[in-house]
Amino acid sequence: MISADPKLRNYLRDLPTGYLLDLLVEPSDIDASAIHDVLFERGLDREELERLRQRRAASRLPRPHTLWRGARLFTLGSALLVTVFNLLTYYRLLHGASPLKGMLLALVAGGVFFGFFLGYKLTTHVYQGARHQLYCGFPLPVGTVDLQSGQEAIKPLPLMILCMTVNAVVGLALVLFPLFLIHHLLG
């Protein structure tokens, strides 16, 4: 039994109640008593827990890990398109003679710092990326936690740096897009 593993209990405590109910509904090797204990700590009684579990099992909505997979793919695709737009518009801004050029370049410099901060926050975001795994890092995970065994898995350093870079570029692209869109629409 892995229910006595304090590391696993801490990982389970970090999950929202909906994720824990999904883990109870889907067949797995994870110890259900550990999940029950975490849900009882949140103030649910046995009857309410069973009612929520049955409702979750009967639900036709896709599971969170399926939605997160779609969100990761959508974010990567959108960030790629936005990055291309940002680069082309930045080139036009640098070589143009707009009266707002100085102000926009100052905003871009501030946006770069905020974008990398947002990328850092994306890299530390924890979510249920697979049926029985927590992912750390969005849209590209830099590490995982297996919810059946409680084992952590961190990517090799070069791959982790690459994933962190992509996450930072996604944050950067999302922050700079409104500034470049303003320049594009004004020019």
C-alpha atoms as a PDB file:
ATOM      1  CA  MET A   1       0.000   0.000   0.000  1.00  0.00           C
ATOM      2  CA  ILE A   2       1.309   3.430  -0.868  1.00  0.00           C
ATOM      3  CA  SER A   3      -1.176   5.336   1.263  1.00  0.00           C
ATOM      4  CA  ALA A   4       1.447   5.829   3.967  1.00  0.00           C
ATOM      5  CA  ASP A   5       3.747   7.632   1.523  1.00  0.00           C
ATOM      6  CA  PRO A   6       3.756  11.282   2.666  1.00  0.00           C
ATOM      7  CA  LYS A   7       5.142  12.469  -0.673  1.00  0.00           C
ATOM      8  CA  LEU A   8       2.192  10.988  -2.551  1.00  0.00           C
ATOM      9  CA  ARG A   9      -0.260  12.487  -0.062  1.00  0.00           C
ATOM     10  CA  ASN A  10       1.280  15.916  -0.617  1.00  0.00           C
ATOM     11  CA  TYR A  11       0.894  15.527  -4.383  1.00  0.00           C
ATOM     12  CA  LEU A  12      -2.717  14.442  -3.919  1.00  0.00           C
ATOM     13  CA  ARG A  13      -3.407  17.411  -1.627  1.00  0.00           C
ATOM     14  CA  ASP A  14      -2.247  19.756  -4.390  1.00  0.00           C
ATOM     15  CA  LEU A  15      -4.834  18.375  -6.825  1.00  0.00           C
ATOM     16  CA  PRO A  16      -8.309  19.895  -7.148  1.00  0.00           C
ATOM     17  CA  THR A  17     -11.223  17.808  -5.933  1.00  0.00           C
ATOM     18  CA  GLY A  18     -12.350  17.102  -9.510  1.00  0.00           C
ATOM     19  CA  TYR A  19      -9.009  15.491 -10.352  1.00  0.00           C
ATOM     20  CA  LEU A  20      -9.183  13.333  -7.248  1.00  0.00           C
ATOM     21  CA  LEU A  21     -12.683  12.184  -8.179  1.00  0.00           C
ATOM     22  CA  ASP A  22     -11.414  11.315 -11.670  1.00  0.00           C
ATOM     23  CA  LEU A  23      -8.668   9.202 -10.110  1.00  0.00           C
ATOM     24  CA  LEU A  24     -11.298   7.366  -8.047  1.00  0.00           C
ATOM     25  CA  VAL A  25     -13.523   6.759 -11.076  1.00  0.00           C
ATOM     26  CA  GLU A  26     -10.869   5.480 -13.477  1.00  0.00           C
ATOM     27  CA  PRO A  27      -9.401   2.042 -12.852  1.00  0.00           C
ATOM     28  CA  SER A  28      -5.851   2.318 -11.569  1.00  0.00           C
ATOM     29  CA  ASP A  29      -3.306   0.925  -9.147  1.00  0.00           C
ATOM     30  CA  ILE A  30      -3.430   4.021  -6.967  1.00  0.00           C
ATOM     31  CA  ASP A  31      -4.551   3.467  -3.395  1.00  0.00           C
ATOM     32  CA  ALA A  32      -8.132   4.737  -3.152  1.00  0.00           C
ATOM     33  CA  SER A  33      -7.855   5.103   0.627  1.00  0.00           C
ATOM     34  CA  ALA A  34      -5.188   7.808   0.202  1.00  0.00           C
ATOM     35  CA  ILE A  35      -7.550   9.744  -2.074  1.00  0.00           C
ATOM     36  CA  HIS A  36     -10.447   9.195   0.334  1.00  0.00           C
ATOM     37  CA  ASP A  37      -8.339  10.516   3.215  1.00  0.00           C
ATOM     38  CA  VAL A  38      -7.438  13.677   1.273  1.00  0.00           C
ATOM     39  CA  LEU A  39     -11.089  14.244   0.356  1.00  0.00           C
ATOM     40  CA  PHE A  40     -12.162  13.670   3.965  1.00  0.00           C
ATOM     41  CA  GLU A  41      -9.588  16.290   5.018  1.00  0.00           C
ATOM     42  CA  ARG A  42     -11.440  18.715   2.740  1.00  0.00           C
ATOM     43  CA  GLY A  43     -14.662  18.176   4.679  1.00  0.00           C
ATOM     44  CA  LEU A  44     -16.495  15.669   2.466  1.00  0.00           C
ATOM     45  CA  ASP A  45     -18.365  12.869   4.223  1.00  0.00           C
ATOM     46  CA  ARG A  46     -18.738   9.332   2.837  1.00  0.00           C
ATOM     47  CA  GLU A  47     -22.238   9.826   1.417  1.00  0.00           C
ATOM     48  CA  GLU A  48     -21.331  13.045  -0.361  1.00  0.00           C
ATOM     49  CA  LEU A  49     -18.108  11.493  -1.665  1.00  0.00           C
ATOM     50  CA  GLU A  50     -19.980   8.491  -3.072  1.00  0.00           C
ATOM     51  CA  ARG A  51     -22.596  10.757  -4.669  1.00  0.00           C
ATOM     52  CA  LEU A  52     -19.892  12.907  -6.299  1.00  0.00           C
ATOM     53  CA  ARG A  53     -17.998   9.806  -7.467  1.00  0.00           C
ATOM     54  CA  GLN A  54     -21.117   8.338  -9.098  1.00  0.00           C
ATOM     55  CA  ARG A  55     -21.950  11.650 -10.741  1.00  0.00           C
ATOM     56  CA  ARG A  56     -18.387  11.893 -12.068  1.00  0.00           C
ATOM     57  CA  ALA A  57     -18.540   8.335 -13.411  1.00  0.00           C
ATOM     58  CA  ALA A  58     -21.826   9.083 -15.216  1.00  0.00           C
ATOM     59  CA  SER A  59     -20.557  12.382 -16.638  1.00  0.00           C
ATOM     60  CA  ARG A  60     -20.052  12.503 -20.393  1.00  0.00           C
ATOM     61  CA  LEU A  61     -17.642  15.433 -20.207  1.00  0.00           C
ATOM     62  CA  PRO A  62     -14.046  14.716 -21.213  1.00  0.00           C
ATOM     63  CA  ARG A  63     -11.590  14.161 -18.401  1.00  0.00           C
ATOM     64  CA  PRO A  64      -9.281  17.040 -17.412  1.00  0.00           C
ATOM     65  CA  HIS A  65      -6.158  15.389 -18.813  1.00  0.00           C
ATOM     66  CA  THR A  66      -7.844  15.270 -22.232  1.00  0.00           C
ATOM     67  CA  LEU A  67      -8.713  18.958 -22.028  1.00  0.00           C
ATOM     68  CA  TRP A  68      -5.169  19.836 -20.917  1.00  0.00           C
ATOM     69  CA  ARG A  69      -3.715  17.924 -23.887  1.00  0.00           C
ATOM     70  CA  GLY A  70      -5.887  19.983 -26.231  1.00  0.00           C
ATOM     71  CA  ALA A  71      -4.957  23.189 -24.415  1.00  0.00           C
ATOM     72  CA  ARG A  72      -1.252  22.383 -24.734  1.00  0.00           C
ATOM     73  CA  LEU A  73      -1.519  21.775 -28.476  1.00  0.00           C
ATOM     74  CA  PHE A  74      -3.654  24.888 -29.009  1.00  0.00           C
ATOM     75  CA  THR A  75      -1.242  27.015 -26.976  1.00  0.00           C
ATOM     76  CA  LEU A  76       1.789  25.767 -28.896  1.00  0.00           C
ATOM     77  CA  GLY A  77       0.103  26.386 -32.257  1.00  0.00           C
ATOM     78  CA  SER A  78      -1.156  29.818 -31.257  1.00  0.00           C
ATOM     79  CA  ALA A  79       2.202  30.803 -29.799  1.00  0.00           C
ATOM     80  CA  LEU A  80       3.939  29.801 -33.027  1.00  0.00           C
ATOM     81  CA  LEU A  81       1.621  31.973 -35.117  1.00  0.00           C
ATOM     82  CA  VAL A  82       1.821  34.870 -32.671  1.00  0.00           C
ATOM     83  CA  THR A  83       5.631  34.638 -32.556  1.00  0.00           C
ATOM     84  CA  VAL A  84       5.858  34.892 -36.348  1.00  0.00           C
ATOM     85  CA  PHE A  85       3.518  37.901 -36.292  1.00  0.00           C
ATOM     86  CA  ASN A  86       5.531  39.483 -33.456  1.00  0.00           C
ATOM     87  CA  LEU A  87       8.845  39.061 -35.284  1.00  0.00           C
ATOM     88  CA  LEU A  88       7.534  40.530 -38.536  1.00  0.00           C
ATOM     89  CA  THR A  89       5.904  43.464 -36.761  1.00  0.00           C
ATOM     90  CA  TYR A  90       8.980  44.076 -34.601  1.00  0.00           C
ATOM     91  CA  TYR A  91      11.088  44.261 -37.766  1.00  0.00           C
ATOM     92  CA  ARG A  92       8.634  46.792 -39.221  1.00  0.00           C
ATOM     93  CA  LEU A  93       8.693  48.781 -35.979  1.00  0.00           C
ATOM     94  CA  LEU A  94      12.491  48.969 -35.919  1.00  0.00           C
ATOM     95  CA  HIS A  95      12.754  50.069 -39.553  1.00  0.00           C
ATOM     96  CA  GLY A  96       9.694  52.325 -39.576  1.00  0.00           C
ATOM     97  CA  ALA A  97       9.332  56.007 -38.790  1.00  0.00           C
ATOM     98  CA  SER A  98       6.341  55.854 -36.471  1.00  0.00           C
ATOM     99  CA  PRO A  99       5.943  58.749 -34.003  1.00  0.00           C
ATOM    100  CA  LEU A 100       5.197  56.141 -31.309  1.00  0.00           C
ATOM    101  CA  LYS A 101       8.356  54.138 -32.034  1.00  0.00           C
ATOM    102  CA  GLY A 102      10.222  55.152 -28.853  1.00  0.00           C
ATOM    103  CA  MET A 103       7.272  54.519 -26.574  1.00  0.00           C
ATOM    104  CA  LEU A 104       6.472  51.163 -28.185  1.00  0.00           C
ATOM    105  CA  LEU A 105      10.113  50.041 -27.945  1.00  0.00           C
ATOM    106  CA  ALA A 106      10.123  50.956 -24.240  1.00  0.00           C
ATOM    107  CA  LEU A 107       6.892  48.994 -23.736  1.00  0.00           C
ATOM    108  CA  VAL A 108       8.395  46.066 -25.649  1.00  0.00           C
ATOM    109  CA  ALA A 109      11.460  46.102 -23.365  1.00  0.00           C
ATOM    110  CA  GLY A 110       9.197  46.019 -20.299  1.00  0.00           C
ATOM    111  CA  GLY A 111       7.047  43.371 -21.962  1.00  0.00           C
ATOM    112  CA  VAL A 112      10.098  41.170 -22.510  1.00  0.00           C
ATOM    113  CA  PHE A 113      10.818  41.085 -18.776  1.00  0.00           C
ATOM    114  CA  PHE A 114       7.178  40.419 -17.917  1.00  0.00           C
ATOM    115  CA  GLY A 115       6.953  37.798 -20.698  1.00  0.00           C
ATOM    116  CA  PHE A 116       9.885  35.842 -19.317  1.00  0.00           C
ATOM    117  CA  PHE A 117       8.344  36.066 -15.835  1.00  0.00           C
ATOM    118  CA  LEU A 118       5.094  34.688 -17.266  1.00  0.00           C
ATOM    119  CA  GLY A 119       7.115  31.942 -18.978  1.00  0.00           C
ATOM    120  CA  TYR A 120       8.684  31.076 -15.626  1.00  0.00           C
ATOM    121  CA  LYS A 121       5.225  30.872 -14.063  1.00  0.00           C
ATOM    122  CA  LEU A 122       4.102  28.621 -16.926  1.00  0.00           C
ATOM    123  CA  THR A 123       7.116  26.383 -16.290  1.00  0.00           C
ATOM    124  CA  THR A 124       6.119  25.924 -12.638  1.00  0.00           C
ATOM    125  CA  HIS A 125       2.412  25.311 -13.348  1.00  0.00           C
ATOM    126  CA  VAL A 126       1.257  21.890 -12.087  1.00  0.00           C
ATOM    127  CA  TYR A 127      -1.675  20.121 -13.754  1.00  0.00           C
ATOM    128  CA  GLN A 128      -2.980  16.631 -14.551  1.00  0.00           C
ATOM    129  CA  GLY A 129      -1.401  16.055 -17.948  1.00  0.00           C
ATOM    130  CA  ALA A 130      -2.104  12.341 -18.264  1.00  0.00           C
ATOM    131  CA  ARG A 131      -4.498   9.910 -16.662  1.00  0.00           C
ATOM    132  CA  HIS A 132      -2.248   9.119 -13.694  1.00  0.00           C
ATOM    133  CA  GLN A 133       0.429  11.783 -13.988  1.00  0.00           C
ATOM    134  CA  LEU A 134       0.919  15.335 -12.829  1.00  0.00           C
ATOM    135  CA  TYR A 135       2.856  17.522 -15.242  1.00  0.00           C
ATOM    136  CA  CYS A 136       4.944  20.486 -14.171  1.00  0.00           C
ATOM    137  CA  GLY A 137       5.337  23.037 -16.936  1.00  0.00           C
ATOM    138  CA  PHE A 138       2.906  24.331 -19.520  1.00  0.00           C
ATOM    139  CA  PRO A 139       2.715  23.853 -22.485  1.00  0.00           C
ATOM    140  CA  LEU A 140       5.811  21.611 -22.405  1.00  0.00           C
ATOM    141  CA  PRO A 141       6.303  19.689 -19.150  1.00  0.00           C
ATOM    142  CA  VAL A 142       9.737  19.784 -17.526  1.00  0.00           C
ATOM    143  CA  GLY A 143       8.879  17.038 -15.053  1.00  0.00           C
ATOM    144  CA  THR A 144       6.165  14.592 -14.076  1.00  0.00           C
ATOM    145  CA  VAL A 145       4.889  12.839 -10.971  1.00  0.00           C
ATOM    146  CA  ASP A 146       3.362   9.381 -11.268  1.00  0.00           C
ATOM    147  CA  LEU A 147       0.252   9.371  -9.080  1.00  0.00           C
ATOM    148  CA  GLN A 148       0.300   5.590  -8.766  1.00  0.00           C
ATOM    149  CA  SER A 149       3.759   5.343  -7.265  1.00  0.00           C
ATOM    150  CA  GLY A 150       4.552   8.905  -6.183  1.00  0.00           C
ATOM    151  CA  GLN A 151       7.768   8.861  -8.238  1.00  0.00           C
ATOM    152  CA  GLU A 152       9.084  12.117  -9.672  1.00  0.00           C
ATOM    153  CA  ALA A 153      10.631  12.174 -13.143  1.00  0.00           C
ATOM    154  CA  ILE A 154      12.580  15.198 -14.313  1.00  0.00           C
ATOM    155  CA  LYS A 155      13.641  15.491 -17.943  1.00  0.00           C
ATOM    156  CA  PRO A 156      17.371  15.394 -18.760  1.00  0.00           C
ATOM    157  CA  LEU A 157      18.989  18.808 -18.365  1.00  0.00           C
ATOM    158  CA  PRO A 158      19.326  19.741 -22.082  1.00  0.00           C
ATOM    159  CA  LEU A 159      15.721  18.735 -22.777  1.00  0.00           C
ATOM    160  CA  MET A 160      14.513  20.503 -19.632  1.00  0.00           C
ATOM    161  CA  ILE A 161      16.290  23.714 -20.684  1.00  0.00           C
ATOM    162  CA  LEU A 162      14.715  23.440 -24.139  1.00  0.00           C
ATOM    163  CA  CYS A 163      11.233  22.977 -22.618  1.00  0.00           C
ATOM    164  CA  MET A 164      11.770  25.911 -20.262  1.00  0.00           C
ATOM    165  CA  THR A 165      12.882  28.039 -23.211  1.00  0.00           C
ATOM    166  CA  VAL A 166       9.779  27.149 -25.209  1.00  0.00           C
ATOM    167  CA  ASN A 167       7.586  27.937 -22.184  1.00  0.00           C
ATOM    168  CA  ALA A 168       9.344  31.293 -21.801  1.00  0.00           C
ATOM    169  CA  VAL A 169       8.889  32.070 -25.505  1.00  0.00           C
ATOM    170  CA  VAL A 170       5.183  31.263 -25.193  1.00  0.00           C
ATOM    171  CA  GLY A 171       4.910  33.713 -22.294  1.00  0.00           C
ATOM    172  CA  LEU A 172       6.904  36.290 -24.217  1.00  0.00           C
ATOM    173  CA  ALA A 173       4.783  35.907 -27.351  1.00  0.00           C
ATOM    174  CA  LEU A 174       1.550  36.267 -25.420  1.00  0.00           C
ATOM    175  CA  VAL A 175       2.714  39.429 -23.641  1.00  0.00           C
ATOM    176  CA  LEU A 176       4.164  41.152 -26.709  1.00  0.00           C
ATOM    177  CA  PHE A 177       1.291  40.333 -29.059  1.00  0.00           C
ATOM    178  CA  PRO A 178      -1.021  43.174 -27.920  1.00  0.00           C
ATOM    179  CA  LEU A 179       1.778  45.738 -28.253  1.00  0.00           C
ATOM    180  CA  PHE A 180       2.656  44.645 -31.764  1.00  0.00           C
ATOM    181  CA  LEU A 181      -0.991  44.425 -32.727  1.00  0.00           C
ATOM    182  CA  ILE A 182      -1.426  48.062 -31.676  1.00  0.00           C
ATOM    183  CA  HIS A 183       1.564  49.068 -33.799  1.00  0.00           C
ATOM    184  CA  HIS A 184       0.283  47.039 -36.740  1.00  0.00           C
ATOM    185  CA  LEU A 185      -3.190  48.584 -36.551  1.00  0.00           C
ATOM    186  CA  LEU A 186      -1.833  52.124 -36.156  1.00  0.00           C
ATOM    187  CA  GLY A 187       0.677  51.742 -39.000  1.00  0.00           C
END
